[in-house]
Amino acid sequence: MSLKLDGVGLVHANGNRAINAASCEITKGERVAIIGPSGAGKTTLLRLIAAALRPTSGSLKVLDQDPWRLHGFALRRLRSRIGMVHQAPPIPPRQRVVTAVLAGRLGQWPVWKGLVSLFYPMDSGGARQMLARMEIADKLFERCDQLSGGQLQRVGVARVLYQQPELILTDEPVSAVDPALSDRVVGELNREAMTRGVTLVASLHAVDLALHWFPRVIGVRNGEIAFDLPPVKVTDGMLKELYASESEIVPTQDNRPLAVQPPGLRRKPLCS
């Protein structure tokens, strides 16, 4: 077992309930997409799994450990085994791209190596290889504040690929990337997970990407899990109900209405 949530809830200090009694199990090597409208709780759910937020109720196991029974080095070690791709990568604007990518290994390197790498990149070839998978190898020595939003998101993905974590979490990793590149980036994340046999959990705005690339789709609405199904069992009605609070249009890569076909006619994931 890689992840287990048992009745997990989170209530913020202001009394707002973000997650309500969420329960699911994700085994090692599974690839799972999380979809749902804005404000549904997708990001909060990922932050709970990443051991960045502590649940206020229920129990949580990440990589077969309860994060909140760990302290000091043990908790830092667990977090170093988790790779998180943020929608807005927390990268210093004046930092060079090569340094941002190599930072993926800071939790694994000794302190001296991390400090040296800030001034003299220790593995520029490895960073270039990950950036090439994102089609931005030519940006290796540029400053991050010279990149577009979509390029910066791809740097964030490259950093996690370089990290080689046991658990990959992504929060809207391609929201600023054009449709063709979005498909490429999500495909690379899936290939990475499959090649190394690690778990991938991705929150995605574009439902068509979730249905195409992931063997399991979890719908979240109002802080609760609305459904947890393989894509071929996710119906038009389920998607319309999930996004009813936003609009009748289910979000896709290019913001066009999703033409939801009968489940048996949907294209299969390219890397199932």
Protein backbone atom coordinates (compact mmCIF):
# COMPACT_ATOMS: atom_id res chain seq x y z
CA MET A 1 0.00 0.00 0.00
CA SER A 2 1.32 3.46 -0.95
CA LEU A 3 -1.42 5.78 0.34
CA LYS A 4 -4.39 5.32 2.63
CA LEU A 5 -6.90 7.93 3.73
CA ASP A 6 -9.48 6.80 6.28
CA GLY A 7 -12.16 9.37 7.04
CA VAL A 8 -9.69 12.23 6.62
CA GLY A 9 -11.07 15.68 7.29
CA LEU A 10 -9.57 19.16 7.44
CA VAL A 11 -11.14 22.21 9.06
CA HIS A 12 -9.25 25.49 8.71
CA ALA A 13 -8.71 27.84 11.62
CA ASN A 14 -11.56 30.05 10.38
CA GLY A 15 -13.97 27.12 10.66
CA ASN A 16 -14.14 26.40 6.93
CA ARG A 17 -14.32 22.65 6.24
CA ALA A 18 -12.06 21.97 3.25
CA ILE A 19 -12.10 18.14 3.28
CA ASN A 20 -14.88 16.01 4.73
CA ALA A 21 -14.35 12.34 5.65
CA ALA A 22 -12.31 11.40 2.58
CA SER A 23 -11.41 7.71 2.31
CA CYS A 24 -9.45 5.94 -0.41
CA GLU A 25 -6.50 3.62 -0.92
CA ILE A 26 -3.87 3.96 -3.64
CA THR A 27 -1.42 1.13 -4.14
CA LYS A 28 2.21 1.48 -5.17
CA GLY A 29 2.58 2.21 -8.87
CA GLU A 30 -1.00 3.39 -9.43
CA ARG A 31 -1.65 6.45 -11.59
CA VAL A 32 -4.62 8.46 -10.37
CA ALA A 33 -6.16 11.71 -11.63
CA ILE A 34 -8.16 13.99 -9.36
CA ILE A 35 -10.73 16.23 -11.05
CA GLY A 36 -13.38 18.63 -9.83
CA PRO A 37 -14.46 22.29 -9.91
CA SER A 38 -12.45 25.16 -8.48
CA GLY A 39 -12.59 25.19 -4.69
CA ALA A 40 -13.57 21.53 -4.49
CA GLY A 41 -10.61 20.66 -2.26
CA LYS A 42 -8.22 19.10 -4.79
CA THR A 43 -5.18 21.14 -3.76
CA THR A 44 -5.93 20.66 -0.07
CA LEU A 45 -6.17 16.90 -0.61
CA LEU A 46 -2.76 16.87 -2.31
CA ARG A 47 -1.22 18.94 0.49
CA LEU A 48 -2.55 16.46 3.04
CA ILE A 49 -0.99 13.60 1.09
CA ALA A 50 2.28 15.54 0.82
CA ALA A 51 2.37 15.86 4.64
CA ALA A 52 2.25 19.65 4.27
CA LEU A 53 -1.07 19.88 6.13
CA ARG A 54 -2.12 17.90 9.19
CA PRO A 55 -5.65 16.44 9.09
CA THR A 56 -8.02 17.48 11.85
CA SER A 57 -9.82 14.13 11.77
CA GLY A 58 -9.35 10.62 10.43
CA SER A 59 -6.08 8.85 9.73
CA LEU A 60 -3.57 9.11 6.91
CA LYS A 61 -0.71 6.92 5.76
CA VAL A 62 1.77 8.04 3.12
CA LEU A 63 4.29 5.55 1.76
CA ASP A 64 3.07 3.23 4.52
CA GLN A 65 3.90 5.73 7.27
CA ASP A 66 1.80 8.08 9.40
CA PRO A 67 3.58 11.43 8.82
CA TRP A 68 2.30 12.89 12.06
CA ARG A 69 3.82 10.17 14.19
CA LEU A 70 7.23 11.12 12.82
CA HIS A 71 9.50 13.91 14.02
CA GLY A 72 12.64 15.71 12.94
CA PHE A 73 14.83 13.79 10.53
CA ALA A 74 12.28 10.98 10.03
CA LEU A 75 9.61 13.44 8.85
CA ARG A 76 12.09 15.26 6.60
CA ARG A 77 13.17 11.94 5.14
CA LEU A 78 9.57 11.00 4.33
CA ARG A 79 8.96 14.36 2.65
CA SER A 80 12.13 13.92 0.58
CA ARG A 81 10.57 10.77 -0.89
CA ILE A 82 7.62 12.82 -2.18
CA GLY A 83 7.85 15.02 -5.27
CA MET A 84 5.32 17.87 -5.58
CA VAL A 85 4.67 19.81 -8.79
CA HIS A 86 2.91 23.08 -7.92
CA GLN A 87 0.65 25.05 -10.23
CA ALA A 88 2.85 28.07 -9.50
CA PRO A 89 6.29 26.58 -8.82
CA PRO A 90 7.93 28.14 -5.72
CA ILE A 91 11.15 29.03 -7.55
CA PRO A 92 13.14 32.21 -6.79
CA PRO A 93 12.78 34.47 -9.86
CA ARG A 94 16.51 35.26 -10.11
CA GLN A 95 17.52 31.61 -9.90
CA ARG A 96 18.89 29.92 -13.00
CA VAL A 97 16.88 27.09 -14.50
CA VAL A 98 19.69 24.56 -14.00
CA THR A 99 19.81 25.37 -10.27
CA ALA A 100 16.02 25.11 -9.97
CA VAL A 101 16.03 21.63 -11.51
CA LEU A 102 18.98 20.38 -9.44
CA ALA A 103 17.15 21.56 -6.30
CA GLY A 104 15.02 18.44 -6.71
CA ARG A 105 17.84 16.46 -5.07
CA LEU A 106 18.49 18.80 -2.12
CA GLY A 107 16.62 16.49 0.24
CA GLN A 108 18.90 13.60 -0.80
CA TRP A 109 22.26 15.37 -1.11
CA PRO A 110 24.55 16.20 1.84
CA VAL A 111 24.42 19.86 2.85
CA TRP A 112 27.83 20.66 1.34
CA LYS A 113 26.79 19.38 -2.08
CA GLY A 114 23.59 21.42 -2.06
CA LEU A 115 25.50 24.58 -1.15
CA VAL A 116 28.16 24.02 -3.81
CA SER A 117 25.48 23.37 -6.44
CA LEU A 118 24.00 26.82 -5.82
CA PHE A 119 27.18 28.35 -7.28
CA TYR A 120 28.50 25.56 -9.50
CA PRO A 121 25.86 23.15 -10.89
CA MET A 122 26.88 19.62 -9.88
CA ASP A 123 25.00 17.82 -12.63
CA SER A 124 24.09 20.16 -15.47
CA GLY A 125 23.89 17.18 -17.83
CA GLY A 126 21.22 15.52 -15.70
CA ALA A 127 19.25 18.77 -15.50
CA ARG A 128 19.48 19.22 -19.28
CA GLN A 129 18.16 15.69 -19.82
CA MET A 130 15.05 16.36 -17.73
CA LEU A 131 14.47 19.72 -19.43
CA ALA A 132 14.76 18.01 -22.82
CA ARG A 133 11.83 15.81 -21.86
CA MET A 134 9.89 19.06 -21.34
CA GLU A 135 11.21 20.50 -24.65
CA ILE A 136 13.01 23.40 -22.94
CA ALA A 137 16.63 22.17 -22.78
CA ASP A 138 17.67 25.45 -24.42
CA LYS A 139 16.59 27.32 -21.26
CA LEU A 140 19.15 25.52 -19.05
CA PHE A 141 21.16 28.60 -18.01
CA GLU A 142 18.43 31.24 -18.26
CA ARG A 143 17.00 32.99 -15.22
CA CYS A 144 13.57 31.79 -14.15
CA ASP A 145 12.08 35.30 -14.27
CA GLN A 146 12.78 35.32 -18.02
CA LEU A 147 10.46 32.36 -18.63
CA SER A 148 6.77 32.30 -19.47
CA GLY A 149 4.29 30.80 -17.02
CA GLY A 150 4.05 27.62 -19.06
CA GLN A 151 7.83 27.25 -19.29
CA LEU A 152 8.15 27.76 -15.54
CA GLN A 153 5.59 25.01 -14.94
CA ARG A 154 7.66 22.68 -17.12
CA VAL A 155 10.76 23.55 -15.08
CA GLY A 156 8.79 22.48 -12.00
CA VAL A 157 7.98 19.14 -13.64
CA ALA A 158 11.62 18.69 -14.72
CA ARG A 159 12.72 19.27 -11.12
CA VAL A 160 10.47 16.47 -9.85
CA LEU A 161 11.62 14.15 -12.65
CA TYR A 162 15.21 14.85 -11.58
CA GLN A 163 14.30 14.21 -7.95
CA GLN A 164 13.07 10.68 -8.77
CA PRO A 165 10.69 10.46 -5.79
CA GLU A 166 8.69 7.40 -4.77
CA LEU A 167 5.46 9.41 -4.86
CA ILE A 168 4.73 12.10 -7.47
CA LEU A 169 2.00 14.64 -6.71
CA THR A 170 1.03 17.29 -9.25
CA ASP A 171 -1.33 20.22 -8.74
CA GLU A 172 -2.59 21.58 -12.07
CA PRO A 173 0.89 21.11 -13.63
CA VAL A 174 -0.11 22.24 -17.14
CA SER A 175 -2.66 25.00 -16.48
CA ALA A 176 -0.45 27.54 -18.34
CA VAL A 177 0.75 25.16 -21.08
CA ASP A 178 -0.81 24.91 -24.55
CA PRO A 179 -2.86 21.76 -25.37
CA ALA A 180 -0.24 19.92 -27.44
CA LEU A 181 2.48 20.42 -24.84
CA SER A 182 0.05 19.63 -22.02
CA ASP A 183 -0.48 16.20 -23.48
CA ARG A 184 3.30 15.74 -23.80
CA VAL A 185 3.98 16.80 -20.20
CA VAL A 186 1.26 14.63 -18.67
CA GLY A 187 2.45 11.76 -20.85
CA GLU A 188 6.01 12.16 -19.56
CA LEU A 189 4.76 12.10 -15.97
CA ASN A 190 2.90 8.86 -16.69
CA ARG A 191 5.93 7.32 -18.40
CA GLU A 192 8.11 8.25 -15.43
CA ALA A 193 5.70 6.60 -13.02
CA MET A 194 5.41 3.47 -15.13
CA THR A 195 9.13 3.15 -15.83
CA ARG A 196 10.11 3.36 -12.17
CA GLY A 197 6.97 1.75 -10.73
CA VAL A 198 6.15 4.74 -8.54
CA THR A 199 2.80 6.26 -7.60
CA LEU A 200 1.43 9.29 -9.47
CA VAL A 201 -1.48 11.39 -8.21
CA ALA A 202 -2.36 14.36 -10.42
CA SER A 203 -4.92 17.10 -9.91
CA LEU A 204 -5.99 18.22 -13.38
CA HIS A 205 -8.24 20.98 -14.66
CA ALA A 206 -8.57 19.40 -18.12
CA VAL A 207 -10.91 16.42 -17.83
CA ASP A 208 -9.92 15.05 -21.24
CA LEU A 209 -6.31 14.67 -20.07
CA ALA A 210 -7.47 12.80 -16.97
CA LEU A 211 -9.67 10.43 -18.95
CA HIS A 212 -6.99 9.81 -21.57
CA TRP A 213 -3.90 9.21 -19.46
CA PHE A 214 -5.04 7.77 -16.13
CA PRO A 215 -6.45 4.30 -15.35
CA ARG A 216 -8.26 5.72 -12.29
CA VAL A 217 -10.14 9.00 -11.88
CA ILE A 218 -11.33 10.47 -8.58
CA GLY A 219 -13.96 13.21 -8.72
CA VAL A 220 -13.96 15.70 -5.83
CA ARG A 221 -16.75 18.13 -5.02
CA ASN A 222 -17.37 20.23 -1.89
CA GLY A 223 -14.48 18.54 -0.11
CA GLU A 224 -15.86 15.05 -0.62
CA ILE A 225 -15.06 12.21 -3.01
CA ALA A 226 -17.95 12.08 -5.46
CA PHE A 227 -16.71 9.05 -7.42
CA ASP A 228 -13.63 6.86 -7.77
CA LEU A 229 -13.72 4.94 -11.05
CA PRO A 230 -11.79 3.83 -14.12
CA PRO A 231 -12.28 6.36 -16.95
CA VAL A 232 -14.47 4.03 -19.01
CA LYS A 233 -17.07 4.14 -16.22
CA VAL A 234 -17.11 7.92 -15.83
CA THR A 235 -20.28 9.06 -17.58
CA ASP A 236 -21.42 12.34 -19.10
CA GLY A 237 -23.95 12.69 -16.30
CA MET A 238 -21.32 12.24 -13.59
CA LEU A 239 -19.13 14.94 -15.10
CA LYS A 240 -21.99 17.41 -15.52
CA GLU A 241 -23.06 16.84 -11.93
CA LEU A 242 -19.47 17.22 -10.70
CA TYR A 243 -19.08 20.60 -12.44
CA ALA A 244 -22.66 21.80 -12.02
CA SER A 245 -21.59 24.52 -9.58
CA GLU A 246 -19.31 26.07 -12.22
CA SER A 247 -21.16 25.63 -15.51
CA GLU A 248 -22.60 23.01 -17.79
CA ILE A 249 -19.32 22.95 -19.75
CA VAL A 250 -16.81 20.37 -18.53
CA PRO A 251 -13.31 21.95 -18.68
CA THR A 252 -10.86 20.65 -21.29
CA GLN A 253 -7.38 21.59 -22.51
CA ASP A 254 -8.60 24.21 -25.00
CA ASN A 255 -11.74 25.20 -23.03
CA ARG A 256 -14.07 23.61 -25.55
CA PRO A 257 -17.00 21.50 -24.37
CA LEU A 258 -15.97 17.90 -23.77
CA ALA A 259 -17.64 15.58 -26.23
CA VAL A 260 -18.21 12.74 -23.81
CA GLN A 261 -18.63 9.55 -25.78
CA PRO A 262 -20.22 6.38 -24.48
CA PRO A 263 -17.66 4.81 -22.10
CA GLY A 264 -16.83 1.92 -24.40
CA LEU A 265 -15.88 4.28 -27.23
CA ARG A 266 -13.42 6.47 -25.35
CA ARG A 267 -9.83 6.31 -26.47
CA LYS A 268 -7.67 4.18 -24.20
CA PRO A 269 -4.65 5.61 -22.35
CA LEU A 270 -1.52 5.39 -24.50
CA CYS A 271 0.45 3.92 -21.61
CA SER A 272 -1.96 1.63 -19.78
